[in-house]
Amino acid sequence: MIKSHKIFFIIVTLGMVMVLLSGCTAPPDEVEETTDFGELRFGYQPSTHQIAYMTVDAKGWWLEDLEPYGVTSTKDFQFPTGTPEMNAMLAGEIDVAYVGATPPLSAIDQGLNAKIVAGAQVQGSDLVLATDLPYESPQDLIGLTIATFNPGTIQDTVLRKWLMDNGIDPNKDLTITPGTGGIAMSSLASGNVDGVFLPHPSPTVIESEGYGRIVVHSGEMWENHACCVVLVSQDLIDNHPDIVEQIVRTHIKATQYIRDNPDEAAQIFSNKITTVPYNVSSQSIQDWDGEWVSDPNIELATTLEYAKVQYDLGYTDKLLTQDDLFDLSFYNKIMAEMVEE
């Protein structure tokens, strides 16, 4: 197994971090009395990539921070991958999505009006092969069957680009089967596929159960690649920018918290996703090459590369731009205020 190598991003200065830790994450101006907004609806996936969302939920920070803006309740919906999550957002069923950076591309291309307002996490997926299969280079995958998430997801996009970068035709030289993480893992366990490319904690779950081993980290396929982001509806941005700003502030607070408390983060994850015991979620956080982030600027460049890859693959009809995908104003405003303080 290739050893995990951690990458660290300097997303704030030491002074900023101290502001976060001191709890100064509320807007500087006193919140004006507002009418009830009602229920705010979140989408997320059962991955260690999205522990920041789970932490805010577990600690009750959403309501604590958003009640002054009229949010009276929150509700969340769990999705197996980003594709059904974006379908739900297209249908107007969720307001905020913790999701990979690529599923919004095809959804926005299809008419979804939403923007990425914060980063959530980078890297953090692994190629896992059956324990009896040798691996020394990408060429060892020729002729194999690899299961991953549906076309248009982070995993599908990163895997296909990496294969092409290594002279391997993902449509001819091997078989890539789409589906959910559960289906992929079951297929590997039963011998119906030779390997999987999945986000954590699935690779660690597979190793713990003895039917596969991690051979390549996604950061080795595409260094520092964007993964999960926070996506909000344009309606929320246009009509309730104060709520969006506080969502970003609370997300920044949670991201710093889990970076400082990875053991507690693992416990929060296992409390939420009860099928993954604490020892496995904790080991997953040690195994992965991922990093929790909140700065959307970190994920901008590779998300635009994803847009080019997906356009070239025919997943989108339009080559999407930064203006189509991002609203950096909320995060940048918060950072500017913290520097002033």
Protein backbone atom coordinates (compact mmCIF):
# COMPACT_ATOMS: atom_id res chain seq x y z
CA MET A 1 0.00 0.00 0.00
CA ILE A 2 1.27 3.39 -0.94
CA LYS A 3 1.72 5.46 2.20
CA SER A 4 -0.63 8.38 2.67
CA HIS A 5 0.94 11.80 2.48
CA LYS A 6 -0.82 14.69 4.11
CA ILE A 7 -1.07 18.03 2.41
CA PHE A 8 -1.77 21.13 4.38
CA PHE A 9 -3.32 24.30 3.09
CA ILE A 10 -2.73 27.65 4.79
CA ILE A 11 -6.23 29.02 4.47
CA VAL A 12 -6.02 31.70 7.08
CA THR A 13 -3.32 33.53 8.94
CA LEU A 14 -2.62 32.74 12.58
CA GLY A 15 -4.62 35.76 13.54
CA MET A 16 -7.61 34.50 11.58
CA VAL A 17 -7.39 31.11 13.25
CA MET A 18 -7.39 32.74 16.67
CA VAL A 19 -10.48 34.69 15.73
CA LEU A 20 -12.19 31.47 14.69
CA LEU A 21 -11.20 29.68 17.85
CA SER A 22 -12.40 32.54 19.97
CA GLY A 23 -15.86 32.07 18.50
CA CYS A 24 -15.95 35.37 16.59
CA THR A 25 -17.85 33.90 13.66
CA ALA A 26 -21.01 35.96 13.87
CA PRO A 27 -21.48 38.91 11.52
CA PRO A 28 -20.01 42.14 12.87
CA ASP A 29 -23.26 44.06 12.73
CA GLU A 30 -26.17 43.40 15.02
CA VAL A 31 -28.76 41.20 13.33
CA GLU A 32 -31.93 43.08 12.56
CA GLU A 33 -35.23 41.52 13.52
CA THR A 34 -36.54 39.49 10.61
CA THR A 35 -39.63 37.55 9.65
CA ASP A 36 -39.50 33.77 9.86
CA PHE A 37 -37.67 32.14 6.98
CA GLY A 38 -38.90 28.72 8.01
CA GLU A 39 -37.15 25.44 7.35
CA LEU A 40 -33.71 25.29 5.73
CA ARG A 41 -33.04 22.03 3.86
CA PHE A 42 -29.59 20.45 3.48
CA GLY A 43 -28.27 17.61 1.36
CA TYR A 44 -25.16 15.60 2.21
CA GLN A 45 -23.50 12.22 1.63
CA PRO A 46 -22.26 9.53 4.06
CA SER A 47 -18.58 10.31 3.63
CA THR A 48 -15.82 11.55 5.90
CA HIS A 49 -15.40 14.28 3.27
CA GLN A 50 -18.47 16.02 4.70
CA ILE A 51 -17.87 15.82 8.45
CA ALA A 52 -18.05 19.62 8.68
CA TYR A 53 -21.77 19.44 7.90
CA MET A 54 -22.28 16.61 10.40
CA THR A 55 -20.41 18.53 13.10
CA VAL A 56 -22.59 21.63 12.76
CA ASP A 57 -25.68 19.41 12.84
CA ALA A 58 -24.49 17.41 15.87
CA LYS A 59 -23.62 20.50 17.88
CA GLY A 60 -26.80 22.35 17.02
CA TRP A 61 -24.91 25.22 15.44
CA TRP A 62 -27.23 25.59 12.44
CA LEU A 63 -30.19 26.71 14.49
CA GLU A 64 -28.08 28.50 17.07
CA ASP A 65 -26.44 30.61 14.36
CA LEU A 66 -29.34 30.93 11.93
CA GLU A 67 -32.33 31.54 14.20
CA PRO A 68 -31.60 35.31 14.31
CA TYR A 69 -32.20 35.31 10.54
CA GLY A 70 -35.57 33.64 10.76
CA VAL A 71 -34.59 29.99 10.26
CA THR A 72 -36.96 28.07 12.53
CA SER A 73 -35.85 24.51 11.71
CA THR A 74 -33.45 22.52 9.57
CA LYS A 75 -33.90 19.23 7.78
CA ASP A 76 -31.33 17.08 6.03
CA PHE A 77 -31.45 14.46 3.31
CA GLN A 78 -28.75 11.85 2.77
CA PHE A 79 -27.80 10.89 -0.78
CA PRO A 80 -25.56 8.02 -1.95
CA THR A 81 -23.81 10.17 -4.57
CA GLY A 82 -23.93 13.68 -5.98
CA THR A 83 -26.14 12.79 -8.95
CA PRO A 84 -29.39 12.21 -7.02
CA GLU A 85 -28.46 15.07 -4.71
CA MET A 86 -28.34 17.46 -7.67
CA ASN A 87 -31.59 16.00 -9.02
CA ALA A 88 -33.18 16.92 -5.69
CA MET A 89 -31.77 20.43 -5.90
CA LEU A 90 -33.05 20.79 -9.46
CA ALA A 91 -36.46 19.78 -8.15
CA GLY A 92 -36.30 22.47 -5.45
CA GLU A 93 -36.18 19.95 -2.61
CA ILE A 94 -32.97 21.20 -0.94
CA ASP A 95 -31.49 24.66 -0.44
CA VAL A 96 -27.90 23.82 0.49
CA ALA A 97 -25.81 20.88 -0.72
CA TYR A 98 -22.59 19.45 0.60
CA VAL A 99 -21.53 17.76 -2.63
CA GLY A 100 -18.59 17.02 -4.87
CA ALA A 101 -17.52 19.87 -7.14
CA THR A 102 -18.42 18.03 -10.35
CA PRO A 103 -22.09 16.95 -10.00
CA PRO A 104 -23.17 20.63 -9.96
CA LEU A 105 -21.55 21.07 -13.38
CA SER A 106 -24.03 18.95 -15.31
CA ALA A 107 -26.89 20.17 -13.11
CA ILE A 108 -26.01 23.83 -13.78
CA ASP A 109 -25.61 22.98 -17.45
CA GLN A 110 -29.17 21.59 -17.29
CA GLY A 111 -30.53 24.76 -15.69
CA LEU A 112 -29.84 24.53 -11.96
CA ASN A 113 -29.42 28.04 -10.57
CA ALA A 114 -26.93 27.62 -7.74
CA LYS A 115 -23.39 28.62 -6.78
CA ILE A 116 -20.45 27.20 -4.86
CA VAL A 117 -19.91 29.52 -1.87
CA ALA A 118 -17.37 27.55 0.20
CA GLY A 119 -14.94 24.70 -0.06
CA ALA A 120 -15.35 21.59 2.06
CA GLN A 121 -12.55 19.15 1.29
CA VAL A 122 -9.84 18.18 -1.21
CA GLN A 123 -8.45 14.80 -2.40
CA GLY A 124 -9.54 11.88 -0.16
CA SER A 125 -10.54 9.06 -2.56
CA ASP A 126 -8.63 5.83 -3.23
CA LEU A 127 -8.24 3.15 -5.88
CA VAL A 128 -8.68 -0.19 -4.13
CA LEU A 129 -7.91 -3.53 -5.83
CA ALA A 130 -8.80 -7.07 -4.83
CA THR A 131 -6.13 -8.39 -2.48
CA ASP A 132 -4.83 -11.01 -4.95
CA LEU A 133 -4.23 -8.57 -7.82
CA PRO A 134 -0.76 -7.09 -8.40
CA TYR A 135 -0.30 -3.37 -8.92
CA GLU A 136 2.80 -1.42 -9.94
CA SER A 137 1.48 1.09 -12.50
CA PRO A 138 -1.76 2.23 -14.15
CA GLN A 139 -1.07 -0.20 -17.01
CA ASP A 140 -1.85 -3.04 -14.59
CA LEU A 141 -5.49 -1.94 -14.78
CA ILE A 142 -5.83 -2.77 -18.48
CA GLY A 143 -8.44 -5.47 -18.91
CA LEU A 144 -9.83 -5.07 -15.40
CA THR A 145 -13.28 -3.96 -14.25
CA ILE A 146 -13.33 -0.99 -11.86
CA ALA A 147 -16.48 0.20 -10.09
CA THR A 148 -16.92 3.84 -9.13
CA PHE A 149 -19.63 6.51 -8.88
CA ASN A 150 -21.81 7.60 -11.79
CA PRO A 151 -20.52 9.63 -14.76
CA GLY A 152 -20.09 13.28 -13.84
CA THR A 153 -19.05 12.64 -10.23
CA ILE A 154 -15.65 13.57 -8.82
CA GLN A 155 -14.52 9.95 -8.75
CA ASP A 156 -15.56 9.20 -12.33
CA THR A 157 -13.96 12.42 -13.58
CA VAL A 158 -10.66 12.02 -11.71
CA LEU A 159 -10.34 8.32 -12.61
CA ARG A 160 -10.99 8.88 -16.32
CA LYS A 161 -8.61 11.82 -16.59
CA TRP A 162 -5.86 9.91 -14.77
CA LEU A 163 -6.27 6.93 -17.08
CA MET A 164 -6.14 9.16 -20.17
CA ASP A 165 -3.09 10.97 -18.78
CA ASN A 166 -1.40 7.55 -18.62
CA GLY A 167 -2.30 6.57 -22.18
CA ILE A 168 -5.20 4.33 -21.19
CA ASP A 169 -8.56 4.63 -22.95
CA PRO A 170 -11.20 4.41 -20.19
CA ASN A 171 -13.79 3.29 -22.75
CA LYS A 172 -11.73 0.56 -24.43
CA ASP A 173 -8.82 -0.63 -22.30
CA LEU A 174 -10.81 -1.50 -19.19
CA THR A 175 -14.40 -1.52 -17.94
CA ILE A 176 -15.68 1.19 -15.61
CA THR A 177 -19.00 0.32 -13.98
CA PRO A 178 -21.08 3.12 -12.40
CA GLY A 179 -23.16 2.95 -9.26
CA THR A 180 -23.26 3.73 -5.58
CA GLY A 181 -20.53 3.07 -3.06
CA GLY A 182 -22.50 0.23 -1.51
CA ILE A 183 -22.96 -1.51 -4.86
CA ALA A 184 -19.28 -1.05 -5.72
CA MET A 185 -18.12 -2.49 -2.40
CA SER A 186 -20.49 -5.46 -2.64
CA SER A 187 -19.31 -6.12 -6.19
CA LEU A 188 -15.67 -6.15 -5.08
CA ALA A 189 -16.42 -8.40 -2.10
CA SER A 190 -18.22 -10.89 -4.33
CA GLY A 191 -15.54 -10.86 -7.03
CA ASN A 192 -17.74 -9.29 -9.68
CA VAL A 193 -15.30 -6.40 -10.15
CA ASP A 194 -11.54 -6.21 -9.76
CA GLY A 195 -11.36 -2.89 -7.99
CA VAL A 196 -13.17 0.26 -6.88
CA PHE A 197 -12.40 3.96 -6.81
CA LEU A 198 -14.33 5.49 -3.92
CA PRO A 199 -14.20 8.29 -1.34
CA HIS A 200 -13.40 7.63 2.28
CA PRO A 201 -14.29 5.88 4.49
CA SER A 202 -15.11 3.14 1.93
CA PRO A 203 -11.45 2.27 1.14
CA THR A 204 -10.68 1.77 4.85
CA VAL A 205 -13.89 -0.23 5.33
CA ILE A 206 -12.80 -2.55 2.52
CA GLU A 207 -9.31 -3.00 3.97
CA SER A 208 -10.74 -3.63 7.43
CA GLU A 209 -12.93 -6.40 6.01
CA GLY A 210 -10.02 -7.96 4.14
CA TYR A 211 -11.19 -8.10 0.51
CA GLY A 212 -9.17 -5.26 -0.97
CA ARG A 213 -6.18 -3.00 -0.49
CA ILE A 214 -5.53 0.67 -1.25
CA VAL A 215 -3.04 1.05 -4.12
CA VAL A 216 -3.36 4.71 -5.26
CA HIS A 217 -4.58 7.85 -3.51
CA SER A 218 -6.53 10.35 -5.58
CA GLY A 219 -3.97 13.06 -4.83
CA GLU A 220 -1.44 10.94 -6.71
CA MET A 221 -3.81 10.90 -9.69
CA TRP A 222 -4.50 14.64 -9.60
CA GLU A 223 -2.52 16.58 -7.03
CA ASN A 224 -4.52 18.88 -4.74
CA HIS A 225 -7.71 18.22 -6.69
CA ALA A 226 -10.94 19.78 -5.50
CA CYS A 227 -13.48 17.42 -4.03
CA CYS A 228 -16.43 18.51 -1.87
CA VAL A 229 -17.92 22.00 -1.78
CA VAL A 230 -20.85 23.89 -0.28
CA LEU A 231 -23.43 24.75 -2.94
CA VAL A 232 -26.42 27.03 -2.28
CA SER A 233 -29.40 27.95 -4.42
CA GLN A 234 -29.36 31.25 -6.25
CA ASP A 235 -32.74 32.00 -4.72
CA LEU A 236 -31.14 31.87 -1.27
CA ILE A 237 -28.26 34.07 -2.44
CA ASP A 238 -30.58 36.65 -4.03
CA ASN A 239 -33.31 36.80 -1.40
CA HIS A 240 -31.52 35.81 1.83
CA PRO A 241 -27.85 36.78 1.51
CA ASP A 242 -27.62 37.19 5.29
CA ILE A 243 -28.51 33.51 5.72
CA VAL A 244 -25.93 32.48 3.11
CA GLU A 245 -23.24 34.55 4.81
CA GLN A 246 -23.99 32.93 8.15
CA ILE A 247 -23.98 29.44 6.57
CA VAL A 248 -20.45 30.18 5.33
CA ARG A 249 -19.38 31.57 8.73
CA THR A 250 -20.71 28.52 10.53
CA HIS A 251 -19.09 26.19 8.01
CA ILE A 252 -15.72 27.93 8.54
CA LYS A 253 -16.12 27.44 12.29
CA ALA A 254 -16.92 23.74 11.86
CA THR A 255 -14.05 23.16 9.45
CA GLN A 256 -11.52 24.62 11.85
CA TYR A 257 -13.05 22.60 14.69
CA ILE A 258 -12.69 19.24 12.95
CA ARG A 259 -9.16 20.07 11.79
CA ASP A 260 -8.27 20.72 15.44
CA ASN A 261 -10.23 17.72 16.77
CA PRO A 262 -9.94 14.81 14.31
CA ASP A 263 -10.75 12.17 16.94
CA GLU A 264 -14.00 13.90 17.82
CA ALA A 265 -14.69 14.35 14.11
CA ALA A 266 -14.40 10.59 13.64
CA GLN A 267 -16.82 10.01 16.52
CA ILE A 268 -19.31 12.54 15.12
CA PHE A 269 -19.14 10.74 11.78
CA SER A 270 -19.78 7.31 13.32
CA ASN A 271 -22.64 8.70 15.40
CA LYS A 272 -24.25 9.97 12.19
CA ILE A 273 -23.31 7.06 9.91
CA THR A 274 -23.90 4.21 12.34
CA THR A 275 -22.81 1.47 9.92
CA VAL A 276 -19.19 2.68 10.25
CA PRO A 277 -17.74 2.08 13.73
CA TYR A 278 -15.48 4.66 15.35
CA ASN A 279 -12.29 2.62 14.96
CA VAL A 280 -12.87 2.44 11.19
CA SER A 281 -13.79 6.11 10.75
CA SER A 282 -10.77 7.11 12.84
CA GLN A 283 -8.49 4.86 10.77
CA SER A 284 -10.01 6.32 7.59
CA ILE A 285 -9.00 9.83 8.63
CA GLN A 286 -5.46 8.51 9.19
CA ASP A 287 -5.41 6.60 5.87
CA TRP A 288 -6.73 9.22 3.49
CA ASP A 289 -4.78 11.94 1.72
CA GLY A 290 -7.67 14.36 2.08
CA GLU A 291 -7.86 17.70 3.85
CA TRP A 292 -10.87 19.61 5.17
CA VAL A 293 -10.96 23.17 3.86
CA SER A 294 -13.46 26.02 3.75
CA ASP A 295 -11.83 28.39 1.24
CA PRO A 296 -13.55 28.07 -2.17
CA ASN A 297 -10.57 29.77 -3.83
CA ILE A 298 -8.54 26.61 -3.12
CA GLU A 299 -10.97 24.57 -5.21
CA LEU A 300 -11.47 27.07 -8.02
CA ALA A 301 -8.71 26.07 -10.44
CA THR A 302 -9.35 22.34 -10.50
CA THR A 303 -13.12 22.81 -10.60
CA LEU A 304 -12.64 24.79 -13.80
CA GLU A 305 -10.39 21.98 -15.05
CA TYR A 306 -13.21 19.55 -14.22
CA ALA A 307 -15.52 21.72 -16.30
CA LYS A 308 -13.13 21.38 -19.26
CA VAL A 309 -12.80 17.61 -18.79
CA GLN A 310 -16.56 17.16 -18.55
CA TYR A 311 -17.12 19.33 -21.62
CA ASP A 312 -14.55 17.27 -23.55
CA LEU A 313 -16.20 14.04 -22.37
CA GLY A 314 -19.57 15.32 -23.56
CA TYR A 315 -21.09 15.46 -20.08
CA THR A 316 -21.99 19.15 -20.52
CA ASP A 317 -23.13 21.07 -23.58
CA LYS A 318 -21.47 24.30 -22.45
CA LEU A 319 -17.96 24.98 -21.18
CA LEU A 320 -18.85 26.40 -17.77
CA THR A 321 -16.95 29.38 -16.36
CA GLN A 322 -16.16 30.72 -12.90
CA ASP A 323 -19.15 33.06 -13.11
CA ASP A 324 -21.40 30.08 -13.85
CA LEU A 325 -20.16 28.09 -10.87
CA PHE A 326 -18.83 30.25 -8.03
CA ASP A 327 -19.86 33.09 -5.76
CA LEU A 328 -16.72 33.91 -3.78
CA SER A 329 -18.09 37.12 -2.30
CA PHE A 330 -19.35 35.67 0.99
CA TYR A 331 -16.13 33.89 1.93
CA ASN A 332 -13.91 36.75 0.76
CA LYS A 333 -15.96 39.28 2.74
CA ILE A 334 -15.64 37.22 5.91
CA MET A 335 -11.87 36.86 5.47
CA ALA A 336 -11.47 40.60 4.82
CA GLU A 337 -13.36 41.41 8.04
CA MET A 338 -11.18 39.00 10.01
CA VAL A 339 -8.01 40.67 8.70
CA GLU A 340 -9.36 44.07 9.74
CA GLU A 341 -10.02 42.78 13.24
